[in-house]
N, C-alpha and C. Protein backbone atom coordinates (compact mmCIF):
# COMPACT_ATOMS: atom_id res chain seq x y z
N MET A 1 7.92 130.44 -149.23
CA MET A 1 8.20 130.45 -147.81
C MET A 1 8.49 131.75 -147.33
N GLY A 2 8.08 132.07 -146.18
CA GLY A 2 8.48 133.22 -145.53
C GLY A 2 9.95 133.28 -144.99
N GLU A 3 10.56 134.36 -144.69
CA GLU A 3 11.78 134.46 -144.12
C GLU A 3 11.78 134.89 -142.63
N ILE A 4 12.84 134.41 -142.08
CA ILE A 4 12.79 135.04 -140.43
C ILE A 4 14.06 136.09 -140.58
N ARG A 5 13.78 136.94 -140.27
CA ARG A 5 14.81 138.15 -140.34
C ARG A 5 15.09 138.70 -138.83
N ASN A 6 16.16 139.00 -138.74
CA ASN A 6 16.83 139.66 -137.53
C ASN A 6 17.41 140.96 -137.93
N TYR A 7 16.51 142.09 -137.53
CA TYR A 7 16.98 143.40 -137.84
C TYR A 7 17.65 144.09 -136.54
N ILE A 8 18.89 144.73 -136.91
CA ILE A 8 19.82 145.09 -135.94
C ILE A 8 20.03 146.49 -136.19
N CYS A 9 20.09 147.57 -135.13
CA CYS A 9 20.51 148.77 -135.17
C CYS A 9 21.90 149.04 -134.29
N GLY A 10 22.67 149.95 -134.56
CA GLY A 10 23.80 150.29 -133.74
C GLY A 10 23.37 151.00 -132.42
N CYS A 11 22.06 151.53 -132.41
CA CYS A 11 21.71 152.12 -131.04
C CYS A 11 21.07 151.23 -130.16
N GLY A 12 21.09 149.50 -130.56
CA GLY A 12 20.97 148.57 -129.70
C GLY A 12 19.28 148.09 -129.97
N TYR A 13 18.74 148.73 -130.65
CA TYR A 13 17.27 148.23 -130.92
C TYR A 13 17.26 146.89 -131.84
N HIS A 14 16.64 145.93 -131.74
CA HIS A 14 16.63 144.82 -132.72
C HIS A 14 15.34 144.15 -132.43
N GLU A 15 14.79 143.34 -133.50
CA GLU A 15 13.67 142.62 -133.57
C GLU A 15 13.95 141.43 -134.51
N GLU A 16 13.31 140.21 -134.17
CA GLU A 16 13.32 138.95 -135.09
C GLU A 16 11.82 139.07 -135.46
N LEU A 17 11.74 138.90 -136.96
CA LEU A 17 10.50 139.10 -137.38
C LEU A 17 10.20 137.85 -138.63
N TYR A 18 9.09 137.25 -138.69
CA TYR A 18 8.67 136.46 -139.46
C TYR A 18 8.05 137.21 -140.53
N THR A 19 8.78 137.40 -141.52
CA THR A 19 8.22 138.15 -142.85
C THR A 19 7.66 137.27 -144.03
N GLY A 20 6.68 137.97 -144.95
CA GLY A 20 6.62 137.15 -146.18
C GLY A 20 5.36 136.23 -146.07
N ILE A 21 5.16 135.37 -147.10
CA ILE A 21 4.02 134.62 -147.32
C ILE A 21 4.25 133.05 -146.82
N GLY A 22 3.43 132.59 -146.20
CA GLY A 22 3.55 130.79 -145.85
C GLY A 22 2.46 130.21 -146.52
N LEU A 23 2.27 128.92 -146.12
CA LEU A 23 1.38 128.06 -146.70
C LEU A 23 -0.02 128.55 -146.91
N ASN A 24 -0.36 129.41 -145.93
CA ASN A 24 -1.58 129.77 -145.80
C ASN A 24 -1.97 130.84 -146.69
N GLY A 25 -1.19 131.49 -147.34
CA GLY A 25 -1.04 132.68 -148.41
C GLY A 25 -2.23 132.87 -149.10
N ARG A 26 -2.98 131.50 -149.49
CA ARG A 26 -4.00 131.69 -150.52
C ARG A 26 -5.29 130.85 -149.80
N ASN A 27 -5.18 130.67 -148.42
CA ASN A 27 -6.12 130.13 -147.54
C ASN A 27 -7.43 131.00 -147.30
N MET A 28 -8.73 130.76 -148.07
CA MET A 28 -9.70 131.59 -147.79
C MET A 28 -10.26 131.78 -146.29
N HIS A 29 -10.11 130.64 -145.46
CA HIS A 29 -10.55 130.67 -144.08
C HIS A 29 -9.53 131.70 -143.37
N MET A 30 -8.44 131.66 -143.72
CA MET A 30 -7.39 132.52 -142.89
C MET A 30 -7.81 134.01 -143.26
N ILE A 31 -7.84 134.26 -144.77
CA ILE A 31 -8.20 135.65 -145.19
C ILE A 31 -9.42 136.03 -144.45
N SER A 32 -10.44 135.18 -144.35
CA SER A 32 -11.68 135.47 -143.67
C SER A 32 -11.65 135.84 -142.17
N HIS A 33 -10.77 134.88 -141.50
CA HIS A 33 -10.47 135.26 -140.14
C HIS A 33 -9.75 136.62 -140.08
N PHE A 34 -8.85 137.28 -140.57
CA PHE A 34 -8.33 138.38 -140.43
C PHE A 34 -9.04 139.52 -141.11
N PHE A 35 -9.75 139.38 -142.08
CA PHE A 35 -10.31 140.36 -142.72
C PHE A 35 -11.85 139.97 -143.14
N PRO A 36 -12.73 139.63 -142.43
CA PRO A 36 -13.97 139.51 -142.47
C PRO A 36 -14.88 140.14 -143.62
N GLU A 37 -15.00 141.50 -143.52
CA GLU A 37 -15.63 142.23 -144.33
C GLU A 37 -15.07 142.24 -145.79
N GLU A 38 -13.81 142.42 -145.89
CA GLU A 38 -13.19 142.49 -147.18
C GLU A 38 -13.03 141.10 -147.96
N ALA A 39 -13.10 139.99 -147.11
CA ALA A 39 -13.17 138.86 -147.83
C ALA A 39 -14.35 138.53 -148.36
N GLU A 40 -15.53 138.88 -147.81
CA GLU A 40 -16.85 138.61 -148.19
C GLU A 40 -16.93 139.25 -149.76
N LYS A 41 -16.49 140.65 -149.76
CA LYS A 41 -16.50 141.28 -151.12
C LYS A 41 -15.47 140.50 -152.05
N PHE A 42 -14.42 140.25 -151.56
CA PHE A 42 -13.45 139.57 -152.37
C PHE A 42 -14.06 138.17 -153.06
N ARG A 43 -14.61 137.46 -152.08
CA ARG A 43 -15.12 136.24 -152.68
C ARG A 43 -16.19 136.30 -153.63
N GLN A 44 -16.82 137.45 -153.51
CA GLN A 44 -18.01 137.74 -154.57
C GLN A 44 -17.41 137.95 -156.07
N LYS A 45 -16.09 138.57 -155.92
CA LYS A 45 -15.34 139.14 -157.17
C LYS A 45 -14.71 137.86 -157.69
N LYS A 46 -14.33 137.00 -156.85
CA LYS A 46 -13.56 135.94 -157.20
C LYS A 46 -14.36 134.85 -158.03
N GLU A 47 -15.72 134.70 -157.36
CA GLU A 47 -16.77 133.97 -157.96
C GLU A 47 -17.27 134.46 -159.23
N GLU A 48 -16.96 135.65 -159.66
CA GLU A 48 -17.33 136.40 -160.75
C GLU A 48 -16.14 136.33 -161.88
N LYS A 49 -15.07 135.51 -161.34
CA LYS A 49 -13.83 135.52 -162.15
C LYS A 49 -13.20 136.76 -162.48
N LEU A 50 -13.27 137.93 -161.67
CA LEU A 50 -12.59 139.02 -161.81
C LEU A 50 -11.27 139.13 -161.18
N ILE A 51 -10.97 138.12 -160.28
CA ILE A 51 -9.53 138.20 -159.64
C ILE A 51 -8.45 137.23 -160.31
N SER A 52 -7.29 137.73 -160.51
CA SER A 52 -6.20 136.86 -161.03
C SER A 52 -5.40 136.43 -160.03
N THR A 53 -4.98 137.07 -159.20
CA THR A 53 -3.98 136.62 -158.27
C THR A 53 -4.48 137.18 -156.73
N TYR A 54 -4.15 136.60 -155.59
CA TYR A 54 -4.41 137.13 -154.36
C TYR A 54 -3.55 136.51 -153.40
N VAL A 55 -3.18 137.20 -152.10
CA VAL A 55 -2.22 136.41 -151.28
C VAL A 55 -2.61 137.12 -149.81
N LEU A 56 -2.32 136.44 -148.76
CA LEU A 56 -2.30 136.89 -147.39
C LEU A 56 -0.95 136.69 -146.96
N ALA A 57 -0.16 137.69 -146.40
CA ALA A 57 1.21 137.74 -146.13
C ALA A 57 1.52 138.34 -144.76
N ASN A 58 2.55 138.09 -144.03
CA ASN A 58 3.11 138.75 -142.68
C ASN A 58 3.71 140.11 -143.44
N VAL A 59 3.06 141.25 -143.13
CA VAL A 59 3.61 142.49 -143.52
C VAL A 59 4.80 143.01 -142.62
N LEU A 60 5.73 143.50 -142.97
CA LEU A 60 6.51 144.04 -142.05
C LEU A 60 6.22 145.65 -141.99
N ALA A 61 5.88 146.27 -141.06
CA ALA A 61 5.24 147.47 -140.61
C ALA A 61 5.97 148.12 -139.30
N ALA A 62 5.82 149.48 -139.30
CA ALA A 62 6.24 150.30 -138.22
C ALA A 62 5.25 150.90 -137.62
N CYS A 63 5.02 150.84 -136.07
CA CYS A 63 4.12 151.45 -135.29
C CYS A 63 4.66 152.71 -134.78
N PRO A 64 4.12 153.73 -135.26
CA PRO A 64 4.65 155.01 -134.46
C PRO A 64 4.15 155.22 -133.50
N ASN A 65 3.14 154.47 -132.56
CA ASN A 65 2.78 154.56 -131.32
C ASN A 65 3.81 153.97 -130.64
N CYS A 66 3.97 152.51 -130.81
CA CYS A 66 5.07 151.78 -129.89
C CYS A 66 6.45 152.03 -130.27
N ASN A 67 6.53 152.78 -131.34
CA ASN A 67 7.88 152.97 -131.80
C ASN A 67 8.62 151.69 -132.08
N LYS A 68 8.34 150.96 -132.84
CA LYS A 68 8.88 149.66 -132.95
C LYS A 68 8.47 148.94 -134.47
N LEU A 69 9.27 148.00 -134.90
CA LEU A 69 8.73 147.27 -136.00
C LEU A 69 7.89 146.02 -135.55
N VAL A 70 6.82 145.69 -136.42
CA VAL A 70 5.81 144.66 -136.15
C VAL A 70 5.56 144.03 -137.28
N ILE A 71 5.03 142.78 -137.22
CA ILE A 71 4.55 141.96 -138.21
C ILE A 71 2.86 142.17 -138.23
N VAL A 72 2.31 142.34 -139.22
CA VAL A 72 0.67 142.45 -139.30
C VAL A 72 0.32 141.64 -140.25
N PRO A 73 -0.91 140.89 -140.35
CA PRO A 73 -1.52 140.43 -141.64
C PRO A 73 -1.92 141.31 -142.48
N GLY A 74 -1.63 140.94 -143.83
CA GLY A 74 -1.81 141.97 -144.69
C GLY A 74 -2.29 141.04 -146.07
N PHE A 75 -3.62 141.59 -146.68
CA PHE A 75 -4.13 140.80 -147.76
C PHE A 75 -4.17 141.72 -149.01
N THR A 76 -3.80 141.41 -150.10
CA THR A 76 -3.99 142.05 -151.52
C THR A 76 -4.26 141.15 -152.42
N TYR A 77 -4.95 141.90 -153.42
CA TYR A 77 -5.25 140.91 -154.73
C TYR A 77 -5.32 141.82 -155.85
N GLN A 78 -5.10 141.03 -156.99
CA GLN A 78 -5.03 141.75 -158.38
C GLN A 78 -6.22 141.39 -159.07
N ARG A 79 -6.84 142.34 -159.80
CA ARG A 79 -8.03 142.13 -160.65
C ARG A 79 -7.49 141.59 -161.99
N ARG A 80 -8.32 140.84 -162.86
CA ARG A 80 -8.01 140.56 -164.35
C ARG A 80 -7.58 141.68 -165.00
N ASP A 81 -8.12 142.92 -164.73
CA ASP A 81 -7.98 144.15 -165.61
C ASP A 81 -6.78 144.81 -165.35
N GLU A 82 -5.82 144.08 -164.23
CA GLU A 82 -4.50 144.42 -163.98
C GLU A 82 -4.46 145.74 -162.84
N SER A 83 -5.69 146.10 -162.57
CA SER A 83 -5.70 147.09 -161.32
C SER A 83 -5.58 146.35 -160.05
N PHE A 84 -4.72 146.92 -159.16
CA PHE A 84 -4.69 146.55 -157.83
C PHE A 84 -5.65 146.96 -156.91
N ALA A 85 -6.24 146.20 -155.89
CA ALA A 85 -6.81 146.63 -154.94
C ALA A 85 -5.86 147.27 -153.77
N ASP A 86 -6.57 147.83 -152.83
CA ASP A 86 -5.47 148.40 -151.61
C ASP A 86 -5.19 147.16 -151.02
N CYS A 87 -3.98 147.33 -150.27
CA CYS A 87 -3.41 146.27 -149.26
C CYS A 87 -4.25 146.48 -148.07
N PHE A 88 -5.15 145.43 -147.65
CA PHE A 88 -5.68 145.49 -146.21
C PHE A 88 -4.62 145.07 -145.27
N MET A 89 -4.44 145.82 -144.29
CA MET A 89 -3.55 145.54 -143.17
C MET A 89 -4.19 145.55 -141.76
N LYS A 90 -3.92 144.77 -140.67
CA LYS A 90 -4.27 144.71 -139.43
C LYS A 90 -3.59 146.06 -138.70
N ASP A 91 -4.17 146.32 -137.63
CA ASP A 91 -3.44 147.17 -136.76
C ASP A 91 -2.36 146.73 -135.84
N CYS A 92 -1.53 147.37 -135.20
CA CYS A 92 -0.54 146.95 -134.35
C CYS A 92 -1.09 145.89 -133.37
N PRO A 93 -0.39 144.78 -133.33
CA PRO A 93 -0.67 143.59 -132.52
C PRO A 93 -0.62 144.02 -130.89
N ASP A 94 0.09 145.12 -130.69
CA ASP A 94 0.53 145.47 -129.23
C ASP A 94 -0.34 146.46 -128.80
N CYS A 95 -0.67 147.51 -129.65
CA CYS A 95 -1.57 148.51 -129.18
C CYS A 95 -2.78 148.89 -129.86
N ASP A 96 -2.87 148.38 -130.94
CA ASP A 96 -4.06 148.45 -131.91
C ASP A 96 -3.80 149.97 -132.58
N SER A 97 -2.84 150.61 -132.77
CA SER A 97 -2.84 151.54 -133.49
C SER A 97 -2.45 151.21 -134.93
N GLU A 98 -2.87 152.29 -135.89
CA GLU A 98 -2.52 152.14 -137.22
C GLU A 98 -1.02 152.01 -137.30
N VAL A 99 -0.75 151.31 -138.27
CA VAL A 99 0.87 150.91 -138.75
C VAL A 99 1.01 151.47 -139.99
N PHE A 100 2.25 151.47 -140.28
CA PHE A 100 2.59 151.82 -141.94
C PHE A 100 3.62 150.80 -142.47
N ALA A 101 3.17 150.01 -143.42
CA ALA A 101 3.70 149.07 -144.18
C ALA A 101 5.36 149.58 -144.71
N VAL A 102 6.43 148.84 -144.36
CA VAL A 102 7.72 149.15 -144.80
C VAL A 102 8.07 148.62 -146.06
N LEU A 103 7.97 149.41 -147.15
CA LEU A 103 8.07 149.11 -148.43
C LEU A 103 9.39 148.62 -148.83
N ASN A 104 10.47 149.21 -148.33
CA ASN A 104 11.70 148.69 -148.78
C ASN A 104 12.44 147.78 -147.60
N THR A 105 12.00 146.41 -147.69
CA THR A 105 12.73 145.81 -146.38
C THR A 105 14.22 145.47 -146.33
N GLU A 106 14.70 146.13 -147.57
CA GLU A 106 16.18 145.84 -147.48
C GLU A 106 16.88 147.04 -146.73
N LYS A 107 16.04 148.18 -146.60
CA LYS A 107 16.72 149.53 -145.92
C LYS A 107 15.83 150.03 -145.12
N VAL A 108 15.56 149.26 -143.88
CA VAL A 108 14.61 149.69 -142.97
C VAL A 108 14.91 150.72 -141.84
N PRO A 109 14.32 151.80 -141.84
CA PRO A 109 15.02 152.89 -140.81
C PRO A 109 14.65 152.38 -139.38
N CYS A 110 15.43 152.45 -138.58
CA CYS A 110 15.36 151.90 -137.02
C CYS A 110 14.25 152.88 -136.32
N PRO A 111 13.11 152.27 -135.84
CA PRO A 111 12.10 153.28 -135.27
C PRO A 111 12.53 153.92 -134.15
N LYS A 112 13.70 153.75 -133.33
CA LYS A 112 13.92 154.41 -132.31
C LYS A 112 15.12 155.40 -132.63
N CYS A 113 16.04 155.35 -133.75
CA CYS A 113 16.85 156.63 -133.91
C CYS A 113 16.93 156.92 -135.42
N GLY A 114 16.24 155.97 -136.27
CA GLY A 114 16.09 156.58 -137.72
C GLY A 114 17.35 156.06 -138.67
N ALA A 115 18.29 155.52 -138.05
CA ALA A 115 19.54 154.85 -138.69
C ALA A 115 18.91 153.61 -139.55
N VAL A 116 19.51 153.40 -140.79
CA VAL A 116 19.33 152.09 -141.45
C VAL A 116 19.83 151.22 -140.79
N MET A 117 18.73 150.24 -140.61
CA MET A 117 19.18 148.88 -139.86
C MET A 117 19.96 147.80 -140.69
N ASP A 118 20.68 146.99 -140.14
CA ASP A 118 21.40 145.79 -140.70
C ASP A 118 20.32 144.73 -140.48
N TYR A 119 20.42 143.80 -141.32
CA TYR A 119 19.51 142.70 -141.07
C TYR A 119 20.24 141.22 -141.80
N LYS A 120 19.75 140.35 -141.07
CA LYS A 120 20.21 138.84 -141.15
C LYS A 120 19.03 137.94 -141.37
N ILE A 121 19.16 137.31 -142.61
CA ILE A 121 18.10 136.17 -142.76
C ILE A 121 18.74 134.91 -141.98
N THR A 122 17.91 134.50 -141.04
CA THR A 122 18.21 133.54 -140.10
C THR A 122 17.68 132.02 -140.29
N GLY A 123 16.47 132.23 -141.20
CA GLY A 123 15.81 130.84 -141.53
C GLY A 123 14.54 131.31 -142.45
N ASP A 124 13.72 130.02 -142.68
CA ASP A 124 12.47 130.30 -143.19
C ASP A 124 11.42 129.74 -142.35
N TRP A 125 10.20 130.17 -142.71
CA TRP A 125 8.99 129.67 -141.99
C TRP A 125 7.96 129.19 -143.00
N ASP A 126 7.25 128.43 -142.57
CA ASP A 126 6.15 127.91 -143.47
C ASP A 126 5.06 129.07 -143.48
């Protein structure tokens, strides 16, 4: 299950974001919808039994163009030889600019002022 997180900064910036993995995390149709080219290459590797795990998730990201936090679809998989493929991420849903994944979701810098934001988990989503 994914989490609903409310990120809040003292400067007044706040966002409610649906992060993590839902029931469609291993749904090939959804992966193909968001990442058609990558999904085709992935499907071939999967059929050759070269893949051990894979997941589609809602990735917390920062958009430097919009100056805000956003959620974008992200797809990653692990090969049986333990090497990881790159995480494929969509661009900003608002402006189509490249976004940057927030790697530490516990200490998220505010996109407006740079201070570490507080957050509260307010629920789960499927």
